[in-house]
Amino acid sequence: MMDFTEALNKFKNDRIRELSLSDDGMRFLKLRSLSRKAQMEHLIKKAGLNFGSAKSKEWLKKLYESGISENLIDESIQELYKTERQARREKEDDLVSELYKVQSFEWGGLHQNSLERTIVDNYVKKIKSYESLNIAIEKDLHTSMRAYTLASWYNHWTSIIIEDVFKDHQNVTPAIGLIKKIDFFVKDKPCDLKVTYLPERSVVKNRICVPS
């Protein structure tokens, strides 16, 4: 049996595929996907466990070492996902209609995940005139910020909708909490969903991704 420390170290070192090849590793990954306190509380209650005064940061280890079955973990995940999904489904049509209002998708020259650096490099460090800085902010930065915010908003909500298409499938177990490099499990194979944006009228050959 793989002990908790070994499983945790493999996870921290991005050895996800290695973990997925063993029953203990898969059980760890699914438990780790229940990253929020409320989600773990749901599983603890469902399993009839009592961790006494143990702090929530210790629950993952205790759940893993309790020998809780993967089937029970899957059931708990599906119950939690069903509740979350129902709330999103009720507003999904309205959300899709709002997303269709976005006419163009561009980051406005501000690089994703490096917004502060872009502003510092192109405005703070390059412009020495107060008046010129204000003109640049109103003329360029304001437009770029608007495009960046719209693109981020569109990217966030379309990703959630696309993920739900997969997560709704009967052969898929969602990763409902935050877990790096895993969005869901397809027949107990961890998957990290990547979305690519293509220009209109582009011709793309279909490709099938097979787990290595």
N, C-alpha and C. Protein backbone atom coordinates (compact mmCIF):
# COMPACT_ATOMS: atom_id res chain seq x y z
N MET A 1 0.84 -1.20 0.00
CA MET A 1 0.00 0.00 0.00
C MET A 1 0.87 1.24 0.00
N MET A 2 0.51 2.22 -0.82
CA MET A 2 1.22 3.48 -0.87
C MET A 2 0.82 4.34 0.33
N ASP A 3 1.79 4.76 1.13
CA ASP A 3 1.43 5.57 2.29
C ASP A 3 1.15 7.01 1.86
N PHE A 4 0.56 7.77 2.76
CA PHE A 4 0.10 9.12 2.44
C PHE A 4 1.26 10.03 2.03
N THR A 5 2.37 9.95 2.74
CA THR A 5 3.52 10.81 2.43
C THR A 5 4.03 10.57 1.02
N GLU A 6 4.11 9.32 0.62
CA GLU A 6 4.56 8.98 -0.73
C GLU A 6 3.60 9.53 -1.78
N ALA A 7 2.30 9.35 -1.54
CA ALA A 7 1.30 9.84 -2.49
C ALA A 7 1.35 11.36 -2.58
N LEU A 8 1.48 12.03 -1.45
CA LEU A 8 1.52 13.49 -1.43
C LEU A 8 2.76 14.01 -2.15
N ASN A 9 3.89 13.37 -1.95
CA ASN A 9 5.13 13.79 -2.61
C ASN A 9 5.03 13.62 -4.13
N LYS A 10 4.43 12.52 -4.57
CA LYS A 10 4.25 12.31 -6.00
C LYS A 10 3.35 13.39 -6.59
N PHE A 11 2.31 13.74 -5.85
CA PHE A 11 1.39 14.77 -6.32
C PHE A 11 2.09 16.13 -6.41
N LYS A 12 2.85 16.48 -5.40
CA LYS A 12 3.56 17.76 -5.39
C LYS A 12 4.60 17.85 -6.51
N ASN A 13 5.11 16.69 -6.93
CA ASN A 13 6.11 16.65 -7.99
C ASN A 13 5.50 16.37 -9.36
N ASP A 14 4.18 16.59 -9.46
CA ASP A 14 3.45 16.45 -10.73
C ASP A 14 3.54 15.06 -11.34
N ARG A 15 3.66 14.05 -10.51
CA ARG A 15 3.70 12.67 -11.01
C ARG A 15 2.27 12.11 -11.02
N ILE A 16 1.39 12.84 -11.71
CA ILE A 16 -0.03 12.51 -11.73
C ILE A 16 -0.29 11.18 -12.41
N ARG A 17 0.35 10.97 -13.56
CA ARG A 17 0.13 9.73 -14.29
C ARG A 17 0.57 8.53 -13.45
N GLU A 18 1.67 8.67 -12.76
CA GLU A 18 2.17 7.57 -11.92
C GLU A 18 1.17 7.24 -10.82
N LEU A 19 0.58 8.28 -10.23
CA LEU A 19 -0.43 8.06 -9.20
C LEU A 19 -1.66 7.36 -9.78
N SER A 20 -2.03 7.74 -10.99
CA SER A 20 -3.26 7.20 -11.60
C SER A 20 -3.15 5.72 -11.95
N LEU A 21 -1.94 5.18 -11.94
CA LEU A 21 -1.75 3.79 -12.33
C LEU A 21 -1.98 2.81 -11.19
N SER A 22 -2.18 3.30 -9.97
CA SER A 22 -2.43 2.41 -8.84
C SER A 22 -3.75 2.78 -8.16
N ASP A 23 -4.37 1.81 -7.51
CA ASP A 23 -5.64 2.06 -6.82
C ASP A 23 -5.46 3.09 -5.71
N ASP A 24 -4.37 2.97 -4.95
CA ASP A 24 -4.13 3.92 -3.87
C ASP A 24 -3.90 5.33 -4.41
N GLY A 25 -3.17 5.41 -5.53
CA GLY A 25 -2.91 6.71 -6.13
C GLY A 25 -4.18 7.37 -6.63
N MET A 26 -5.07 6.59 -7.26
CA MET A 26 -6.33 7.14 -7.74
C MET A 26 -7.20 7.59 -6.58
N ARG A 27 -7.19 6.81 -5.51
CA ARG A 27 -7.98 7.18 -4.34
C ARG A 27 -7.46 8.50 -3.75
N PHE A 28 -6.14 8.67 -3.75
CA PHE A 28 -5.56 9.92 -3.27
C PHE A 28 -5.98 11.09 -4.14
N LEU A 29 -5.90 10.92 -5.46
CA LEU A 29 -6.24 12.01 -6.37
C LEU A 29 -7.70 12.44 -6.22
N LYS A 30 -8.58 11.47 -6.07
CA LYS A 30 -10.00 11.81 -5.93
C LYS A 30 -10.28 12.47 -4.58
N LEU A 31 -9.59 12.02 -3.54
CA LEU A 31 -9.73 12.69 -2.24
C LEU A 31 -9.18 14.11 -2.31
N ARG A 32 -8.05 14.26 -3.00
CA ARG A 32 -7.43 15.58 -3.13
C ARG A 32 -8.31 16.53 -3.93
N SER A 33 -9.13 15.98 -4.83
CA SER A 33 -10.02 16.83 -5.62
C SER A 33 -11.14 17.42 -4.77
N LEU A 34 -11.38 16.82 -3.60
CA LEU A 34 -12.35 17.38 -2.65
C LEU A 34 -11.60 18.37 -1.75
N SER A 35 -11.15 19.46 -2.33
CA SER A 35 -10.20 20.33 -1.64
C SER A 35 -10.82 21.30 -0.64
N ARG A 36 -12.10 21.58 -0.78
CA ARG A 36 -12.74 22.53 0.12
C ARG A 36 -13.22 21.83 1.39
N LYS A 37 -13.24 22.58 2.46
CA LYS A 37 -13.61 22.02 3.76
C LYS A 37 -15.02 21.42 3.74
N ALA A 38 -15.96 22.16 3.14
CA ALA A 38 -17.35 21.69 3.10
C ALA A 38 -17.48 20.39 2.31
N GLN A 39 -16.65 20.23 1.27
CA GLN A 39 -16.69 19.01 0.47
C GLN A 39 -16.18 17.81 1.27
N MET A 40 -15.11 18.01 2.01
CA MET A 40 -14.58 16.93 2.84
C MET A 40 -15.54 16.60 3.98
N GLU A 41 -16.20 17.61 4.52
CA GLU A 41 -17.18 17.38 5.58
C GLU A 41 -18.30 16.49 5.07
N HIS A 42 -18.72 16.72 3.83
CA HIS A 42 -19.78 15.90 3.22
C HIS A 42 -19.35 14.44 3.17
N LEU A 43 -18.12 14.20 2.73
CA LEU A 43 -17.62 12.83 2.62
C LEU A 43 -17.44 12.19 4.00
N ILE A 44 -16.93 12.94 4.95
CA ILE A 44 -16.73 12.42 6.30
C ILE A 44 -18.06 11.97 6.92
N LYS A 45 -19.07 12.80 6.73
CA LYS A 45 -20.39 12.47 7.26
C LYS A 45 -20.97 11.25 6.54
N LYS A 46 -20.81 11.21 5.23
CA LYS A 46 -21.35 10.10 4.43
C LYS A 46 -20.69 8.78 4.83
N ALA A 47 -19.41 8.83 5.17
CA ALA A 47 -18.67 7.62 5.53
C ALA A 47 -18.84 7.26 7.00
N GLY A 48 -19.51 8.13 7.77
CA GLY A 48 -19.72 7.84 9.19
C GLY A 48 -18.45 7.94 10.01
N LEU A 49 -17.52 8.82 9.59
CA LEU A 49 -16.24 8.96 10.29
C LEU A 49 -16.31 10.10 11.30
N ASN A 50 -15.42 10.05 12.27
CA ASN A 50 -15.33 11.11 13.28
C ASN A 50 -13.86 11.37 13.56
N PHE A 51 -13.40 12.56 13.19
CA PHE A 51 -12.00 12.90 13.38
C PHE A 51 -11.75 13.75 14.63
N GLY A 52 -12.76 13.83 15.48
CA GLY A 52 -12.61 14.52 16.75
C GLY A 52 -12.19 15.97 16.58
N SER A 53 -11.13 16.36 17.25
CA SER A 53 -10.68 17.75 17.23
C SER A 53 -9.63 18.03 16.15
N ALA A 54 -9.44 17.08 15.26
CA ALA A 54 -8.43 17.25 14.20
C ALA A 54 -8.77 18.46 13.33
N LYS A 55 -7.77 19.24 12.97
CA LYS A 55 -7.98 20.41 12.12
C LYS A 55 -8.26 19.98 10.69
N SER A 56 -8.97 20.85 9.94
CA SER A 56 -9.38 20.49 8.59
C SER A 56 -8.19 20.21 7.67
N LYS A 57 -7.04 20.83 7.94
CA LYS A 57 -5.86 20.59 7.10
C LYS A 57 -5.32 19.16 7.28
N GLU A 58 -5.77 18.49 8.34
CA GLU A 58 -5.34 17.11 8.59
C GLU A 58 -6.32 16.09 8.02
N TRP A 59 -7.46 16.55 7.53
CA TRP A 59 -8.53 15.64 7.10
C TRP A 59 -8.14 14.80 5.90
N LEU A 60 -7.41 15.37 4.94
CA LEU A 60 -7.03 14.62 3.76
C LEU A 60 -6.22 13.37 4.15
N LYS A 61 -5.27 13.55 5.03
CA LYS A 61 -4.44 12.44 5.48
C LYS A 61 -5.30 11.40 6.21
N LYS A 62 -6.17 11.86 7.08
CA LYS A 62 -7.00 10.95 7.85
C LYS A 62 -7.99 10.20 6.96
N LEU A 63 -8.54 10.89 5.97
CA LEU A 63 -9.45 10.23 5.03
C LEU A 63 -8.71 9.15 4.25
N TYR A 64 -7.52 9.48 3.79
CA TYR A 64 -6.74 8.52 3.01
C TYR A 64 -6.40 7.29 3.86
N GLU A 65 -5.98 7.53 5.09
CA GLU A 65 -5.56 6.42 5.96
C GLU A 65 -6.73 5.67 6.56
N SER A 66 -7.94 6.21 6.41
CA SER A 66 -9.13 5.52 6.94
C SER A 66 -9.50 4.31 6.09
N GLY A 67 -8.95 4.23 4.87
CA GLY A 67 -9.29 3.13 3.99
C GLY A 67 -10.62 3.30 3.31
N ILE A 68 -11.16 4.52 3.31
CA ILE A 68 -12.44 4.79 2.67
C ILE A 68 -12.40 4.33 1.22
N SER A 69 -13.46 3.70 0.76
CA SER A 69 -13.46 3.10 -0.58
C SER A 69 -13.58 4.16 -1.67
N GLU A 70 -13.04 3.82 -2.84
CA GLU A 70 -13.12 4.74 -3.98
C GLU A 70 -14.56 4.91 -4.43
N ASN A 71 -15.36 3.85 -4.30
CA ASN A 71 -16.78 3.95 -4.69
C ASN A 71 -17.52 4.97 -3.84
N LEU A 72 -17.22 4.99 -2.55
CA LEU A 72 -17.87 5.94 -1.66
C LEU A 72 -17.42 7.37 -1.99
N ILE A 73 -16.15 7.51 -2.35
CA ILE A 73 -15.63 8.83 -2.75
C ILE A 73 -16.35 9.29 -4.01
N ASP A 74 -16.48 8.38 -4.99
CA ASP A 74 -17.17 8.71 -6.25
C ASP A 74 -18.61 9.14 -5.99
N GLU A 75 -19.30 8.42 -5.12
CA GLU A 75 -20.69 8.75 -4.81
C GLU A 75 -20.79 10.14 -4.20
N SER A 76 -19.87 10.44 -3.30
CA SER A 76 -19.87 11.75 -2.64
C SER A 76 -19.61 12.87 -3.65
N ILE A 77 -18.65 12.63 -4.55
CA ILE A 77 -18.32 13.62 -5.58
C ILE A 77 -19.53 13.88 -6.47
N GLN A 78 -20.21 12.82 -6.89
CA GLN A 78 -21.36 12.99 -7.78
C GLN A 78 -22.50 13.72 -7.08
N GLU A 79 -22.69 13.46 -5.79
CA GLU A 79 -23.73 14.16 -5.04
C GLU A 79 -23.43 15.66 -4.95
N LEU A 80 -22.19 15.98 -4.65
CA LEU A 80 -21.80 17.38 -4.56
C LEU A 80 -21.87 18.07 -5.92
N TYR A 81 -21.42 17.36 -6.96
CA TYR A 81 -21.46 17.95 -8.30
C TYR A 81 -22.90 18.19 -8.75
N LYS A 82 -23.79 17.24 -8.44
CA LYS A 82 -25.18 17.38 -8.84
C LYS A 82 -25.79 18.66 -8.26
N THR A 83 -25.45 18.97 -7.03
CA THR A 83 -25.97 20.19 -6.39
C THR A 83 -25.39 21.44 -7.06
N GLU A 84 -24.07 21.44 -7.30
CA GLU A 84 -23.43 22.59 -7.94
C GLU A 84 -23.94 22.77 -9.37
N ARG A 85 -24.08 21.66 -10.07
CA ARG A 85 -24.49 21.71 -11.48
C ARG A 85 -25.91 22.22 -11.63
N GLN A 86 -26.78 21.83 -10.72
CA GLN A 86 -28.16 22.28 -10.79
C GLN A 86 -28.25 23.79 -10.69
N ALA A 87 -27.45 24.37 -9.81
CA ALA A 87 -27.45 25.83 -9.64
C ALA A 87 -26.97 26.51 -10.92
N ARG A 88 -25.95 25.93 -11.58
CA ARG A 88 -25.45 26.54 -12.82
C ARG A 88 -26.42 26.31 -13.98
N ARG A 89 -27.03 25.13 -14.02
CA ARG A 89 -27.94 24.80 -15.12
C ARG A 89 -29.13 25.75 -15.17
N GLU A 90 -29.61 26.17 -14.03
CA GLU A 90 -30.77 27.07 -13.98
C GLU A 90 -30.48 28.42 -14.63
N LYS A 91 -29.21 28.81 -14.67
CA LYS A 91 -28.85 30.11 -15.24
C LYS A 91 -28.02 29.99 -16.52
N GLU A 92 -27.85 28.76 -17.00
CA GLU A 92 -26.94 28.53 -18.13
C GLU A 92 -27.41 29.19 -19.42
N ASP A 93 -28.69 29.11 -19.74
CA ASP A 93 -29.19 29.71 -20.98
C ASP A 93 -28.95 31.21 -20.99
N ASP A 94 -29.22 31.86 -19.87
CA ASP A 94 -28.99 33.30 -19.78
C ASP A 94 -27.51 33.62 -19.92
N LEU A 95 -26.66 32.80 -19.30
CA LEU A 95 -25.22 33.02 -19.38
C LEU A 95 -24.72 32.89 -20.81
N VAL A 96 -25.18 31.85 -21.52
CA VAL A 96 -24.77 31.65 -22.92
C VAL A 96 -25.19 32.84 -23.77
N SER A 97 -26.39 33.36 -23.53
CA SER A 97 -26.86 34.53 -24.28
C SER A 97 -25.95 35.73 -24.04
N GLU A 98 -25.51 35.90 -22.80
CA GLU A 98 -24.62 37.01 -22.48
C GLU A 98 -23.25 36.83 -23.14
N LEU A 99 -22.76 35.59 -23.17
CA LEU A 99 -21.45 35.33 -23.79
C LEU A 99 -21.47 35.60 -25.28
N TYR A 100 -22.61 35.37 -25.93
CA TYR A 100 -22.72 35.64 -27.36
C TYR A 100 -22.61 37.13 -27.69
N LYS A 101 -22.74 37.97 -26.70
CA LYS A 101 -22.62 39.41 -26.92
C LYS A 101 -21.18 39.85 -27.14
N VAL A 102 -20.23 38.99 -26.78
CA VAL A 102 -18.82 39.32 -27.00
C VAL A 102 -18.51 39.13 -28.48
N GLN A 103 -18.17 40.21 -29.16
CA GLN A 103 -17.96 40.18 -30.60
C GLN A 103 -16.54 39.83 -31.01
N SER A 104 -15.59 40.06 -30.13
CA SER A 104 -14.20 39.73 -30.45
C SER A 104 -13.50 39.23 -29.19
N PHE A 105 -12.52 38.37 -29.39
CA PHE A 105 -11.78 37.81 -28.27
C PHE A 105 -10.31 38.18 -28.43
N GLU A 106 -9.85 39.12 -27.63
CA GLU A 106 -8.45 39.53 -27.67
C GLU A 106 -8.04 40.07 -26.31
N TRP A 107 -6.76 39.94 -26.02
CA TRP A 107 -6.26 40.34 -24.70
C TRP A 107 -5.85 41.81 -24.64
N GLY A 108 -6.00 42.54 -25.74
CA GLY A 108 -5.74 43.98 -25.73
C GLY A 108 -4.27 44.32 -25.55
N GLY A 109 -3.39 43.40 -25.89
CA GLY A 109 -1.96 43.68 -25.74
C GLY A 109 -1.43 43.44 -24.34
N LEU A 110 -2.31 43.12 -23.42
CA LEU A 110 -1.90 42.83 -22.04
C LEU A 110 -1.83 41.32 -21.89
N HIS A 111 -0.66 40.83 -21.56
CA HIS A 111 -0.45 39.39 -21.54
C HIS A 111 -1.15 38.75 -20.34
N GLN A 112 -1.84 37.66 -20.61
CA GLN A 112 -2.54 36.93 -19.55
C GLN A 112 -1.55 36.47 -18.49
N ASN A 113 -1.95 36.64 -17.23
CA ASN A 113 -1.15 36.24 -16.06
C ASN A 113 0.09 37.11 -15.84
N SER A 114 0.24 38.19 -16.60
CA SER A 114 1.38 39.09 -16.37
C SER A 114 0.94 40.54 -16.55
N LEU A 115 -0.27 40.84 -16.09
CA LEU A 115 -0.85 42.17 -16.27
C LEU A 115 0.00 43.25 -15.62
N GLU A 116 0.39 43.03 -14.37
CA GLU A 116 1.17 44.04 -13.65
C GLU A 116 2.50 44.29 -14.35
N ARG A 117 3.17 43.24 -14.78
CA ARG A 117 4.47 43.39 -15.45
C ARG A 117 4.33 44.18 -16.75
N THR A 118 3.24 43.91 -17.50
CA THR A 118 3.01 44.61 -18.76
C THR A 118 2.83 46.10 -18.52
N ILE A 119 2.06 46.46 -17.50
CA ILE A 119 1.83 47.87 -17.18
C ILE A 119 3.12 48.54 -16.74
N VAL A 120 3.86 47.87 -15.88
CA VAL A 120 5.12 48.43 -15.38
C VAL A 120 6.12 48.62 -16.51
N ASP A 121 6.28 47.61 -17.36
CA ASP A 121 7.28 47.66 -18.43
C ASP A 121 6.93 48.68 -19.52
N ASN A 122 5.65 48.78 -19.87
CA ASN A 122 5.26 49.62 -21.01
C ASN A 122 4.77 51.02 -20.65
N TYR A 123 4.41 51.24 -19.40
CA TYR A 123 3.91 52.55 -19.01
C TYR A 123 4.74 53.17 -17.88
N VAL A 124 4.87 52.43 -16.78
CA VAL A 124 5.55 52.97 -15.60
C VAL A 124 7.01 53.30 -15.89
N LYS A 125 7.73 52.40 -16.51
CA LYS A 125 9.17 52.56 -16.71
C LYS A 125 9.54 53.32 -17.99
N LYS A 126 8.62 53.38 -18.96
CA LYS A 126 8.95 54.01 -20.23
C LYS A 126 8.54 55.48 -20.33
N ILE A 127 7.46 55.84 -19.67
CA ILE A 127 6.92 57.20 -19.81
C ILE A 127 7.38 58.07 -18.63
N LYS A 128 7.98 59.22 -18.94
CA LYS A 128 8.51 60.10 -17.89
C LYS A 128 7.66 61.34 -17.68
N SER A 129 6.73 61.61 -18.58
CA SER A 129 5.88 62.79 -18.48
C SER A 129 4.53 62.42 -17.88
N TYR A 130 4.13 63.17 -16.86
CA TYR A 130 2.84 62.93 -16.21
C TYR A 130 1.70 63.09 -17.21
N GLU A 131 1.78 64.13 -18.03
CA GLU A 131 0.73 64.39 -19.01
C GLU A 131 0.68 63.26 -20.05
N SER A 132 1.85 62.84 -20.51
CA SER A 132 1.90 61.76 -21.50
C SER A 132 1.37 60.45 -20.91
N LEU A 133 1.66 60.23 -19.62
CA LEU A 133 1.17 59.02 -18.97
C LEU A 133 -0.35 59.01 -18.92
N ASN A 134 -0.95 60.14 -18.57
CA ASN A 134 -2.41 60.23 -18.51
C ASN A 134 -3.04 60.03 -19.88
N ILE A 135 -2.40 60.60 -20.90
CA ILE A 135 -2.90 60.43 -22.28
C ILE A 135 -2.83 58.96 -22.67
N ALA A 136 -1.70 58.31 -22.33
CA ALA A 136 -1.52 56.90 -22.66
C ALA A 136 -2.54 56.02 -21.93
N ILE A 137 -2.81 56.38 -20.68
CA ILE A 137 -3.80 55.62 -19.90
C ILE A 137 -5.17 55.71 -20.54
N GLU A 138 -5.58 56.93 -20.90
CA GLU A 138 -6.91 57.14 -21.47
C GLU A 138 -7.02 56.58 -22.89
N LYS A 139 -5.94 56.74 -23.67
CA LYS A 139 -6.00 56.34 -25.08
C LYS A 139 -5.73 54.86 -25.29
N ASP A 140 -4.72 54.34 -24.59
CA ASP A 140 -4.29 52.97 -24.85
C ASP A 140 -4.65 51.99 -23.72
N LEU A 141 -4.24 52.33 -22.50
CA LEU A 141 -4.39 51.39 -21.40
C LEU A 141 -5.86 51.11 -21.07
N HIS A 142 -6.69 52.14 -21.11
CA HIS A 142 -8.11 51.95 -20.82
C HIS A 142 -8.72 50.96 -21.80
N THR A 143 -8.41 51.11 -23.09
CA THR A 143 -8.93 50.20 -24.12
C THR A 143 -8.39 48.79 -23.92
N SER A 144 -7.09 48.71 -23.61
CA SER A 144 -6.48 47.40 -23.41
C SER A 144 -7.04 46.70 -22.18
N MET A 145 -7.25 47.47 -21.11
CA MET A 145 -7.80 46.90 -19.88
C MET A 145 -9.22 46.37 -20.11
N ARG A 146 -9.98 47.11 -20.87
CA ARG A 146 -11.35 46.69 -21.18
C ARG A 146 -11.33 45.37 -21.96
N ALA A 147 -10.46 45.30 -22.99
CA ALA A 147 -10.35 44.08 -23.79
C ALA A 147 -9.87 42.92 -22.93
N TYR A 148 -8.90 43.18 -22.06
CA TYR A 148 -8.35 42.14 -21.19
C TYR A 148 -9.41 41.60 -20.24
N THR A 149 -10.20 42.50 -19.64
CA THR A 149 -11.24 42.09 -18.70
C THR A 149 -12.34 41.29 -19.40
N LEU A 150 -12.74 41.73 -20.59
CA LEU A 150 -13.76 41.01 -21.34
C LEU A 150 -13.26 39.61 -21.75
N ALA A 151 -12.00 39.55 -22.19
CA ALA A 151 -11.44 38.26 -22.60
C ALA A 151 -11.34 37.31 -21.40
N SER A 152 -10.93 37.85 -20.25
CA SER A 152 -10.83 37.03 -19.04
C SER A 152 -12.21 36.50 -18.62
N TRP A 153 -13.21 37.38 -18.68
CA TRP A 153 -14.58 37.01 -18.32
C TRP A 153 -15.10 35.92 -19.26
N TYR A 154 -14.90 36.12 -20.55
CA TYR A 154 -15.35 35.14 -21.55
C TYR A 154 -14.62 33.81 -21.37
N ASN A 155 -13.33 33.89 -21.15
CA ASN A 155 -12.51 32.69 -20.98
C ASN A 155 -12.96 31.88 -19.75
N HIS A 156 -13.25 32.58 -18.66
CA HIS A 156 -13.65 31.92 -17.42
C HIS A 156 -14.97 31.16 -17.58
N TRP A 157 -15.99 31.85 -18.08
CA TRP A 157 -17.32 31.24 -18.11
C TRP A 157 -17.47 30.21 -19.22
N THR A 158 -16.82 30.41 -20.36
CA THR A 158 -16.90 29.39 -21.41
C THR A 158 -16.17 28.12 -20.97
N SER A 159 -15.09 28.27 -20.22
CA SER A 159 -14.36 27.10 -19.72
C SER A 159 -15.25 26.27 -18.78
N ILE A 160 -16.00 26.94 -17.92
CA ILE A 160 -16.90 26.25 -17.00
C ILE A 160 -17.99 25.50 -17.76
N ILE A 161 -18.57 26.16 -18.77
CA ILE A 161 -19.62 25.53 -19.57
C ILE A 161 -19.08 24.30 -20.31
N ILE A 162 -17.90 24.43 -20.90
CA ILE A 162 -17.30 23.31 -21.64
C ILE A 162 -16.97 22.16 -20.69
N GLU A 163 -16.43 22.47 -19.52
CA GLU A 163 -16.12 21.43 -18.54
C GLU A 163 -17.39 20.67 -18.14
N ASP A 164 -18.49 21.40 -17.97
CA ASP A 164 -19.74 20.76 -17.56
C ASP A 164 -20.24 19.78 -18.62
N VAL A 165 -19.96 20.04 -19.89
CA VAL A 165 -20.35 19.11 -20.96
C VAL A 165 -19.71 17.75 -20.71
N PHE A 166 -18.44 17.77 -20.33
CA PHE A 166 -17.73 16.52 -20.03
C PHE A 166 -18.19 15.92 -18.70
N LYS A 167 -18.29 16.77 -17.69
CA LYS A 167 -18.61 16.28 -16.35
C LYS A 167 -20.01 15.67 -16.25
N ASP A 168 -20.90 16.07 -17.15
CA ASP A 168 -22.25 15.51 -17.14
C ASP A 168 -22.31 14.09 -17.68
N HIS A 169 -21.24 13.63 -18.32
CA HIS A 169 -21.25 12.29 -18.93
C HIS A 169 -21.17 11.22 -17.85
N GLN A 170 -21.84 10.11 -18.10
CA GLN A 170 -21.93 9.03 -17.10
C GLN A 170 -20.58 8.37 -16.81
N ASN A 171 -19.63 8.46 -17.73
CA ASN A 171 -18.33 7.83 -17.52
C ASN A 171 -17.29 8.78 -16.92
N VAL A 172 -17.76 9.95 -16.51
CA VAL A 172 -16.85 10.97 -16.00
C VAL A 172 -17.11 11.25 -14.52
N THR A 173 -16.04 11.31 -13.75
CA THR A 173 -16.11 11.72 -12.35
C THR A 173 -15.49 13.11 -12.24
N PRO A 174 -16.25 14.11 -11.86
CA PRO A 174 -15.72 15.47 -11.81
C PRO A 174 -14.68 15.66 -10.71
N ALA A 175 -13.77 16.59 -10.93
CA ALA A 175 -12.90 17.08 -9.86
C ALA A 175 -13.54 18.39 -9.41
N ILE A 176 -14.35 18.32 -8.39
CA ILE A 176 -15.18 19.47 -8.05
C ILE A 176 -14.43 20.54 -7.25
N GLY A 177 -13.30 20.17 -6.65
CA GLY A 177 -12.50 21.15 -5.93
C GLY A 177 -11.35 21.62 -6.81
N LEU A 178 -10.43 22.35 -6.24
CA LEU A 178 -9.27 22.82 -6.98
C LEU A 178 -8.14 21.82 -6.86
N ILE A 179 -7.74 21.27 -7.98
CA ILE A 179 -6.62 20.32 -8.00
C ILE A 179 -5.85 20.56 -9.29
N LYS A 180 -4.57 20.77 -9.17
CA LYS A 180 -3.77 21.13 -10.34
C LYS A 180 -3.73 19.98 -11.35
N LYS A 181 -3.84 20.37 -12.62
CA LYS A 181 -3.71 19.46 -13.76
C LYS A 181 -4.80 18.40 -13.88
N ILE A 182 -5.87 18.52 -13.10
CA ILE A 182 -6.98 17.57 -13.23
C ILE A 182 -8.30 18.34 -13.19
N ASP A 183 -9.09 18.22 -14.27
CA ASP A 183 -10.42 18.82 -14.30
C ASP A 183 -11.50 17.76 -14.07
N PHE A 184 -11.21 16.52 -14.48
CA PHE A 184 -12.15 15.42 -14.27
C PHE A 184 -11.43 14.10 -14.55
N PHE A 185 -12.11 13.01 -14.21
CA PHE A 185 -11.58 11.66 -14.44
C PHE A 185 -12.49 10.95 -15.44
N VAL A 186 -11.92 10.47 -16.53
CA VAL A 186 -12.68 9.70 -17.52
C VAL A 186 -12.33 8.23 -17.34
N LYS A 187 -13.28 7.46 -16.87
CA LYS A 187 -13.04 6.04 -16.57
C LYS A 187 -11.75 5.88 -15.76
N ASP A 188 -11.65 6.68 -14.71
CA ASP A 188 -10.51 6.65 -13.78
C ASP A 188 -9.18 7.05 -14.43
N LYS A 189 -9.26 7.86 -15.49
CA LYS A 189 -8.06 8.45 -16.07
C LYS A 189 -8.14 9.97 -15.85
N PRO A 190 -7.20 10.55 -15.09
CA PRO A 190 -7.25 12.00 -14.84
C PRO A 190 -7.01 12.79 -16.11
N CYS A 191 -7.84 13.82 -16.33
CA CYS A 191 -7.74 14.63 -17.54
C CYS A 191 -7.64 16.11 -17.20
N ASP A 192 -6.78 16.80 -17.93
CA ASP A 192 -6.62 18.25 -17.81
C ASP A 192 -7.14 18.85 -19.11
N LEU A 193 -8.29 19.49 -19.06
CA LEU A 193 -8.93 20.02 -20.27
C LEU A 193 -8.24 21.29 -20.75
N LYS A 194 -7.89 21.31 -22.02
CA LYS A 194 -7.30 22.48 -22.64
C LYS A 194 -8.21 22.95 -23.78
N VAL A 195 -8.48 24.25 -23.82
CA VAL A 195 -9.36 24.81 -24.84
C VAL A 195 -8.53 25.69 -25.78
N THR A 196 -8.70 25.50 -27.08
CA THR A 196 -7.98 26.29 -28.07
C THR A 196 -8.97 27.16 -28.85
N TYR A 197 -8.61 28.41 -29.02
CA TYR A 197 -9.44 29.33 -29.79
C TYR A 197 -8.97 29.34 -31.24
N LEU A 198 -9.90 29.18 -32.17
CA LEU A 198 -9.57 29.14 -33.59
C LEU A 198 -10.26 30.28 -34.32
N PRO A 199 -9.58 30.89 -35.30
CA PRO A 199 -10.23 31.95 -36.08
C PRO A 199 -11.35 31.39 -36.93
N GLU A 200 -12.30 32.25 -37.29
CA GLU A 200 -13.42 31.81 -38.13
C GLU A 200 -12.90 31.35 -39.48
N ARG A 201 -13.61 30.37 -40.06
CA ARG A 201 -13.33 29.84 -41.38
C ARG A 201 -12.01 29.06 -41.45
N SER A 202 -11.41 28.78 -40.30
CA SER A 202 -10.18 28.00 -40.32
C SER A 202 -10.52 26.53 -40.55
N VAL A 203 -9.63 25.83 -41.21
CA VAL A 203 -9.82 24.41 -41.48
C VAL A 203 -8.94 23.63 -40.53
N VAL A 204 -9.54 22.77 -39.74
CA VAL A 204 -8.80 22.02 -38.73
C VAL A 204 -9.06 20.53 -38.90
N LYS A 205 -8.02 19.74 -38.87
CA LYS A 205 -8.18 18.29 -38.92
C LYS A 205 -8.50 17.78 -37.53
N ASN A 206 -9.43 16.87 -37.44
CA ASN A 206 -9.81 16.30 -36.14
C ASN A 206 -8.67 15.44 -35.60
N ARG A 207 -8.42 15.56 -34.31
CA ARG A 207 -7.39 14.76 -33.66
C ARG A 207 -7.99 14.10 -32.42
N ILE A 208 -7.55 12.91 -32.13
CA ILE A 208 -8.02 12.20 -30.94
C ILE A 208 -6.87 12.10 -29.97
N CYS A 209 -7.09 12.50 -28.75
CA CYS A 209 -6.06 12.42 -27.70
C CYS A 209 -6.24 11.12 -26.94
N VAL A 210 -5.23 10.34 -26.87
CA VAL A 210 -5.26 9.06 -26.15
C VAL A 210 -4.29 9.14 -24.98
N PRO A 211 -4.71 8.77 -23.76
CA PRO A 211 -3.81 8.80 -22.60
C PRO A 211 -2.58 7.94 -22.87
N SER A 212 -1.42 8.46 -22.52
CA SER A 212 -0.18 7.72 -22.77
C SER A 212 0.06 6.68 -21.66
